Amino acid sequence: MRDDGAGLPEGDPSQLFERWRGGAASRAGGAGLGLAICALAARLHGGRIEARREHPGAQFRIDLPVGAQPTEEP
């Protein structure tokens, strides 16, 4: 998914997927859990998630393997 918004905060985009790291959530008054939950779901299904800076905006991508079964969190 790509948008034309304000873009990503400075720093490593992968940190956006950590709980309570701030980023867009802190600017919008969110709890900072949404992207962490997305990352957990992707990982449990054997996939991955990434964020990239675009000009303007940002792009988020989730890749999930076809037919993957969720695993339990260690």
PDB file of N, CA and C in Angstrom:
ATOM      1  N   MET A   1       0.842  -1.155   0.000  1.00  0.00           N
ATOM      2  CA  MET A   1       0.000   0.000   0.000  1.00  0.00           C
ATOM      3  C   MET A   1       0.897   1.232   0.000  1.00  0.00           C
ATOM      4  N   ARG A   2       0.572   2.204  -0.815  1.00  0.00           N
ATOM      5  CA  ARG A   2       1.348   3.435  -0.897  1.00  0.00           C
ATOM      6  C   ARG A   2       0.423   4.616  -0.673  1.00  0.00           C
ATOM      7  N   ASP A   3       0.938   5.626   0.029  1.00  0.00           N
ATOM      8  CA  ASP A   3       0.156   6.843   0.218  1.00  0.00           C
ATOM      9  C   ASP A   3       0.990   8.055  -0.172  1.00  0.00           C
ATOM     10  N   ASP A   4       0.358   9.200  -0.194  1.00  0.00           N
ATOM     11  CA  ASP A   4       1.031  10.456  -0.530  1.00  0.00           C
ATOM     12  C   ASP A   4       1.062  11.386   0.673  1.00  0.00           C
ATOM     13  N   GLY A   5       1.065  10.828   1.878  1.00  0.00           N
ATOM     14  CA  GLY A   5       1.011  11.616   3.112  1.00  0.00           C
ATOM     15  C   GLY A   5       2.342  12.221   3.494  1.00  0.00           C
ATOM     16  N   ALA A   6       2.491  12.467   4.780  1.00  0.00           N
ATOM     17  CA  ALA A   6       3.663  13.150   5.333  1.00  0.00           C
ATOM     18  C   ALA A   6       4.928  12.296   5.286  1.00  0.00           C
ATOM     19  N   GLY A   7       4.798  11.018   5.039  1.00  0.00           N
ATOM     20  CA  GLY A   7       5.970  10.147   4.971  1.00  0.00           C
ATOM     21  C   GLY A   7       6.328   9.554   6.313  1.00  0.00           C
ATOM     22  N   LEU A   8       7.473   8.887   6.350  1.00  0.00           N
ATOM     23  CA  LEU A   8       7.934   8.207   7.552  1.00  0.00           C
ATOM     24  C   LEU A   8       8.853   9.120   8.357  1.00  0.00           C
ATOM     25  N   PRO A   9       8.899   8.921   9.669  1.00  0.00           N
ATOM     26  CA  PRO A   9       9.836   9.701  10.478  1.00  0.00           C
ATOM     27  C   PRO A   9      11.278   9.323  10.147  1.00  0.00           C
ATOM     28  N   GLU A  10      12.202  10.188  10.504  1.00  0.00           N
ATOM     29  CA  GLU A  10      13.627   9.912  10.284  1.00  0.00           C
ATOM     30  C   GLU A  10      14.037   8.664  11.056  1.00  0.00           C
ATOM     31  N   GLY A  11      15.065   8.003  10.599  1.00  0.00           N
ATOM     32  CA  GLY A  11      15.572   6.814  11.274  1.00  0.00           C
ATOM     33  C   GLY A  11      15.278   5.566  10.481  1.00  0.00           C
ATOM     34  N   ASP A  12      15.519   4.439  11.099  1.00  0.00           N
ATOM     35  CA  ASP A  12      15.352   3.136  10.488  1.00  0.00           C
ATOM     36  C   ASP A  12      13.867   2.797  10.366  1.00  0.00           C
ATOM     37  N   PRO A  13      13.338   2.623   9.148  1.00  0.00           N
ATOM     38  CA  PRO A  13      11.911   2.319   8.999  1.00  0.00           C
ATOM     39  C   PRO A  13      11.477   1.034   9.695  1.00  0.00           C
ATOM     40  N   SER A  14      12.389   0.066   9.885  1.00  0.00           N
ATOM     41  CA  SER A  14      11.999  -1.183  10.542  1.00  0.00           C
ATOM     42  C   SER A  14      11.608  -0.961  12.004  1.00  0.00           C
ATOM     43  N   GLN A  15      12.061   0.129  12.603  1.00  0.00           N
ATOM     44  CA  GLN A  15      11.696   0.424  13.995  1.00  0.00           C
ATOM     45  C   GLN A  15      10.217   0.770  14.138  1.00  0.00           C
ATOM     46  N   LEU A  16       9.561   1.117  13.044  1.00  0.00           N
ATOM     47  CA  LEU A  16       8.130   1.410  13.096  1.00  0.00           C
ATOM     48  C   LEU A  16       7.314   0.214  13.552  1.00  0.00           C
ATOM     49  N   PHE A  17       7.871  -0.995  13.374  1.00  0.00           N
ATOM     50  CA  PHE A  17       7.141  -2.220  13.699  1.00  0.00           C
ATOM     51  C   PHE A  17       7.361  -2.679  15.135  1.00  0.00           C
ATOM     52  N   GLU A  18       8.097  -1.921  15.917  1.00  0.00           N
ATOM     53  CA  GLU A  18       8.297  -2.232  17.333  1.00  0.00           C
ATOM     54  C   GLU A  18       7.206  -1.548  18.150  1.00  0.00           C
ATOM     55  N   ARG A  19       6.803  -2.201  19.232  1.00  0.00           N
ATOM     56  CA  ARG A  19       5.747  -1.642  20.082  1.00  0.00           C
ATOM     57  C   ARG A  19       6.150  -0.299  20.678  1.00  0.00           C
ATOM     58  N   TRP A  20       5.236   0.617  20.643  1.00  0.00           N
ATOM     59  CA  TRP A  20       5.356   1.929  21.291  1.00  0.00           C
ATOM     60  C   TRP A  20       6.564   2.734  20.849  1.00  0.00           C
ATOM     61  N   ARG A  21       6.981   2.594  19.590  1.00  0.00           N
ATOM     62  CA  ARG A  21       8.139   3.336  19.112  1.00  0.00           C
ATOM     63  C   ARG A  21       7.773   4.752  18.686  1.00  0.00           C
ATOM     64  N   GLY A  22       6.510   5.072  18.581  1.00  0.00           N
ATOM     65  CA  GLY A  22       6.142   6.417  18.153  1.00  0.00           C
ATOM     66  C   GLY A  22       5.879   6.467  16.678  1.00  0.00           C
ATOM     67  N   GLY A  23       6.600   7.332  15.973  1.00  0.00           N
ATOM     68  CA  GLY A  23       6.371   7.492  14.548  1.00  0.00           C
ATOM     69  C   GLY A  23       5.049   8.165  14.297  1.00  0.00           C
ATOM     70  N   ALA A  24       4.307   7.685  13.323  1.00  0.00           N
ATOM     71  CA  ALA A  24       3.026   8.287  12.961  1.00  0.00           C
ATOM     72  C   ALA A  24       2.027   8.182  14.107  1.00  0.00           C
ATOM     73  N   ALA A  25       2.106   7.115  14.905  1.00  0.00           N
ATOM     74  CA  ALA A  25       1.158   6.943  16.010  1.00  0.00           C
ATOM     75  C   ALA A  25       1.274   8.072  17.014  1.00  0.00           C
ATOM     76  N   SER A  26       2.490   8.486  17.339  1.00  0.00           N
ATOM     77  CA  SER A  26       2.650   9.549  18.322  1.00  0.00           C
ATOM     78  C   SER A  26       2.159  10.883  17.775  1.00  0.00           C
ATOM     79  N   ARG A  27       2.316  11.101  16.461  1.00  0.00           N
ATOM     80  CA  ARG A  27       1.833  12.346  15.858  1.00  0.00           C
ATOM     81  C   ARG A  27       0.315  12.374  15.803  1.00  0.00           C
ATOM     82  N   ALA A  28      -0.303  11.194  15.632  1.00  0.00           N
ATOM     83  CA  ALA A  28      -1.747  11.130  15.489  1.00  0.00           C
ATOM     84  C   ALA A  28      -2.450  10.813  16.803  1.00  0.00           C
ATOM     85  N   GLY A  29      -1.705  10.600  17.881  1.00  0.00           N
ATOM     86  CA  GLY A  29      -2.315  10.292  19.166  1.00  0.00           C
ATOM     87  C   GLY A  29      -2.659   8.828  19.332  1.00  0.00           C
ATOM     88  N   GLY A  30      -2.089   7.930  18.517  1.00  0.00           N
ATOM     89  CA  GLY A  30      -2.368   6.500  18.618  1.00  0.00           C
ATOM     90  C   GLY A  30      -1.578   5.849  19.738  1.00  0.00           C
ATOM     91  N   ALA A  31      -1.835   4.554  19.926  1.00  0.00           N
ATOM     92  CA  ALA A  31      -1.179   3.811  20.989  1.00  0.00           C
ATOM     93  C   ALA A  31       0.166   3.245  20.561  1.00  0.00           C
ATOM     94  N   GLY A  32       0.449   3.189  19.266  1.00  0.00           N
ATOM     95  CA  GLY A  32       1.723   2.654  18.801  1.00  0.00           C
ATOM     96  C   GLY A  32       1.762   1.142  18.723  1.00  0.00           C
ATOM     97  N   LEU A  33       0.612   0.499  18.587  1.00  0.00           N
ATOM     98  CA  LEU A  33       0.566  -0.961  18.528  1.00  0.00           C
ATOM     99  C   LEU A  33       0.182  -1.505  17.165  1.00  0.00           C
ATOM    100  N   GLY A  34      -0.445  -0.726  16.317  1.00  0.00           N
ATOM    101  CA  GLY A  34      -0.992  -1.218  15.048  1.00  0.00           C
ATOM    102  C   GLY A  34       0.032  -1.892  14.160  1.00  0.00           C
ATOM    103  N   LEU A  35       1.156  -1.228  13.894  1.00  0.00           N
ATOM    104  CA  LEU A  35       2.170  -1.816  13.020  1.00  0.00           C
ATOM    105  C   LEU A  35       2.877  -2.992  13.688  1.00  0.00           C
ATOM    106  N   ALA A  36       3.009  -2.966  15.013  1.00  0.00           N
ATOM    107  CA  ALA A  36       3.599  -4.106  15.726  1.00  0.00           C
ATOM    108  C   ALA A  36       2.708  -5.336  15.592  1.00  0.00           C
ATOM    109  N   ILE A  37       1.405  -5.143  15.634  1.00  0.00           N
ATOM    110  CA  ILE A  37       0.466  -6.254  15.464  1.00  0.00           C
ATOM    111  C   ILE A  37       0.539  -6.790  14.042  1.00  0.00           C
ATOM    112  N   CYS A  38       0.625  -5.915  13.057  1.00  0.00           N
ATOM    113  CA  CYS A  38       0.776  -6.346  11.663  1.00  0.00           C
ATOM    114  C   CYS A  38       2.057  -7.156  11.480  1.00  0.00           C
ATOM    115  N   ALA A  39       3.160  -6.701  12.077  1.00  0.00           N
ATOM    116  CA  ALA A  39       4.436  -7.412  11.963  1.00  0.00           C
ATOM    117  C   ALA A  39       4.352  -8.786  12.619  1.00  0.00           C
ATOM    118  N   LEU A  40       3.712  -8.873  13.770  1.00  0.00           N
ATOM    119  CA  LEU A  40       3.553 -10.158  14.448  1.00  0.00           C
ATOM    120  C   LEU A  40       2.724 -11.122  13.598  1.00  0.00           C
ATOM    121  N   ALA A  41       1.630 -10.638  13.034  1.00  0.00           N
ATOM    122  CA  ALA A  41       0.787 -11.491  12.189  1.00  0.00           C
ATOM    123  C   ALA A  41       1.570 -11.990  10.976  1.00  0.00           C
ATOM    124  N   ALA A  42       2.333 -11.111  10.343  1.00  0.00           N
ATOM    125  CA  ALA A  42       3.134 -11.520   9.189  1.00  0.00           C
ATOM    126  C   ALA A  42       4.151 -12.578   9.586  1.00  0.00           C
ATOM    127  N   ARG A  43       4.853 -12.353  10.691  1.00  0.00           N
ATOM    128  CA  ARG A  43       5.876 -13.298  11.144  1.00  0.00           C
ATOM    129  C   ARG A  43       5.263 -14.652  11.497  1.00  0.00           C
ATOM    130  N   LEU A  44       4.124 -14.664  12.175  1.00  0.00           N
ATOM    131  CA  LEU A  44       3.495 -15.919  12.566  1.00  0.00           C
ATOM    132  C   LEU A  44       3.022 -16.726  11.370  1.00  0.00           C
ATOM    133  N   HIS A  45       2.774 -16.058  10.255  1.00  0.00           N
ATOM    134  CA  HIS A  45       2.352 -16.739   9.026  1.00  0.00           C
ATOM    135  C   HIS A  45       3.520 -17.026   8.092  1.00  0.00           C
ATOM    136  N   GLY A  46       4.748 -16.799   8.570  1.00  0.00           N
ATOM    137  CA  GLY A  46       5.922 -17.076   7.766  1.00  0.00           C
ATOM    138  C   GLY A  46       6.228 -16.012   6.729  1.00  0.00           C
ATOM    139  N   GLY A  47       5.681 -14.837   6.923  1.00  0.00           N
ATOM    140  CA  GLY A  47       5.881 -13.752   5.965  1.00  0.00           C
ATOM    141  C   GLY A  47       6.754 -12.648   6.521  1.00  0.00           C
ATOM    142  N   ARG A  48       6.667 -11.497   5.861  1.00  0.00           N
ATOM    143  CA  ARG A  48       7.454 -10.350   6.296  1.00  0.00           C
ATOM    144  C   ARG A  48       6.695  -9.072   5.978  1.00  0.00           C
ATOM    145  N   ILE A  49       7.104  -7.996   6.619  1.00  0.00           N
ATOM    146  CA  ILE A  49       6.510  -6.687   6.404  1.00  0.00           C
ATOM    147  C   ILE A  49       7.648  -5.681   6.295  1.00  0.00           C
ATOM    148  N   GLU A  50       7.458  -4.672   5.482  1.00  0.00           N
ATOM    149  CA  GLU A  50       8.493  -3.643   5.348  1.00  0.00           C
ATOM    150  C   GLU A  50       7.848  -2.293   5.078  1.00  0.00           C
ATOM    151  N   ALA A  51       8.586  -1.256   5.404  1.00  0.00           N
ATOM    152  CA  ALA A  51       8.172   0.127   5.142  1.00  0.00           C
ATOM    153  C   ALA A  51       9.279   0.802   4.351  1.00  0.00           C
ATOM    154  N   ARG A  52       8.882   1.612   3.376  1.00  0.00           N
ATOM    155  CA  ARG A  52       9.849   2.355   2.570  1.00  0.00           C
ATOM    156  C   ARG A  52       9.405   3.799   2.438  1.00  0.00           C
ATOM    157  N   ARG A  53      10.373   4.667   2.399  1.00  0.00           N
ATOM    158  CA  ARG A  53      10.089   6.072   2.146  1.00  0.00           C
ATOM    159  C   ARG A  53       9.821   6.276   0.659  1.00  0.00           C
ATOM    160  N   GLU A  54       8.803   7.024   0.341  1.00  0.00           N
ATOM    161  CA  GLU A  54       8.499   7.420  -1.027  1.00  0.00           C
ATOM    162  C   GLU A  54       8.427   8.938  -1.034  1.00  0.00           C
ATOM    163  N   HIS A  55       8.532   9.516  -2.177  1.00  0.00           N
ATOM    164  CA  HIS A  55       8.453  10.982  -2.253  1.00  0.00           C
ATOM    165  C   HIS A  55       7.346  11.361  -3.206  1.00  0.00           C
ATOM    166  N   PRO A  56       6.205  11.802  -2.729  1.00  0.00           N
ATOM    167  CA  PRO A  56       5.844  11.978  -1.318  1.00  0.00           C
ATOM    168  C   PRO A  56       5.295  10.683  -0.719  1.00  0.00           C
ATOM    169  N   GLY A  57       5.198  10.651   0.581  1.00  0.00           N
ATOM    170  CA  GLY A  57       4.524   9.574   1.282  1.00  0.00           C
ATOM    171  C   GLY A  57       5.388   8.409   1.705  1.00  0.00           C
ATOM    172  N   ALA A  58       4.736   7.248   1.818  1.00  0.00           N
ATOM    173  CA  ALA A  58       5.373   6.031   2.295  1.00  0.00           C
ATOM    174  C   ALA A  58       4.721   4.839   1.617  1.00  0.00           C
ATOM    175  N   GLN A  59       5.437   3.709   1.636  1.00  0.00           N
ATOM    176  CA  GLN A  59       4.895   2.470   1.109  1.00  0.00           C
ATOM    177  C   GLN A  59       5.099   1.373   2.141  1.00  0.00           C
ATOM    178  N   PHE A  60       4.045   0.605   2.401  1.00  0.00           N
ATOM    179  CA  PHE A  60       4.098  -0.546   3.293  1.00  0.00           C
ATOM    180  C   PHE A  60       3.780  -1.784   2.472  1.00  0.00           C
ATOM    181  N   ARG A  61       4.527  -2.851   2.727  1.00  0.00           N
ATOM    182  CA  ARG A  61       4.330  -4.089   1.984  1.00  0.00           C
ATOM    183  C   ARG A  61       4.338  -5.263   2.948  1.00  0.00           C
ATOM    184  N   ILE A  62       3.358  -6.146   2.778  1.00  0.00           N
ATOM    185  CA  ILE A  62       3.295  -7.389   3.549  1.00  0.00           C
ATOM    186  C   ILE A  62       3.339  -8.534   2.547  1.00  0.00           C
ATOM    187  N   ASP A  63       4.285  -9.446   2.722  1.00  0.00           N
ATOM    188  CA  ASP A  63       4.388 -10.646   1.897  1.00  0.00           C
ATOM    189  C   ASP A  63       4.075 -11.851   2.767  1.00  0.00           C
ATOM    190  N   LEU A  64       3.110 -12.665   2.313  1.00  0.00           N
ATOM    191  CA  LEU A  64       2.730 -13.888   3.016  1.00  0.00           C
ATOM    192  C   LEU A  64       2.844 -15.056   2.052  1.00  0.00           C
ATOM    193  N   PRO A  65       3.409 -16.179   2.493  1.00  0.00           N
ATOM    194  CA  PRO A  65       3.486 -17.340   1.611  1.00  0.00           C
ATOM    195  C   PRO A  65       2.099 -17.943   1.379  1.00  0.00           C
ATOM    196  N   VAL A  66       1.888 -18.467   0.196  1.00  0.00           N
ATOM    197  CA  VAL A  66       0.610 -19.095  -0.141  1.00  0.00           C
ATOM    198  C   VAL A  66       0.455 -20.386   0.646  1.00  0.00           C
ATOM    199  N   GLY A  67      -0.679 -20.545   1.287  1.00  0.00           N
ATOM    200  CA  GLY A  67      -0.967 -21.765   2.016  1.00  0.00           C
ATOM    201  C   GLY A  67      -0.245 -21.910   3.335  1.00  0.00           C
ATOM    202  N   ALA A  68       0.366 -20.855   3.839  1.00  0.00           N
ATOM    203  CA  ALA A  68       1.098 -20.942   5.109  1.00  0.00           C
ATOM    204  C   ALA A  68       0.136 -21.088   6.281  1.00  0.00           C
ATOM    205  N   GLN A  69       0.544 -21.874   7.237  1.00  0.00           N
ATOM    206  CA  GLN A  69      -0.210 -22.044   8.472  1.00  0.00           C
ATOM    207  C   GLN A  69       0.464 -21.230   9.568  1.00  0.00           C
ATOM    208  N   PRO A  70      -0.327 -20.551  10.407  1.00  0.00           N
ATOM    209  CA  PRO A  70       0.294 -19.780  11.497  1.00  0.00           C
ATOM    210  C   PRO A  70       1.049 -20.668  12.460  1.00  0.00           C
ATOM    211  N   THR A  71       2.114 -20.107  13.022  1.00  0.00           N
ATOM    212  CA  THR A  71       2.887 -20.802  14.046  1.00  0.00           C
ATOM    213  C   THR A  71       2.615 -20.162  15.385  1.00  0.00           C
ATOM    214  N   GLU A  72       2.973 -20.842  16.443  1.00  0.00           N
ATOM    215  CA  GLU A  72       2.814 -20.263  17.768  1.00  0.00           C
ATOM    216  C   GLU A  72       4.004 -19.390  18.102  1.00  0.00           C
ATOM    217  N   GLU A  73       3.751 -18.297  18.791  1.00  0.00           N
ATOM    218  CA  GLU A  73       4.816 -17.386  19.224  1.00  0.00           C
ATOM    219  C   GLU A  73       5.650 -18.095  20.277  1.00  0.00           C
ATOM    220  N   PRO A  74       6.990 -18.031  20.151  1.00  0.00           N
ATOM    221  CA  PRO A  74       7.852 -18.701  21.138  1.00  0.00           C
ATOM    222  C   PRO A  74       7.743 -18.082  22.513  1.00  0.00           C
TER     223      PRO A  74
END
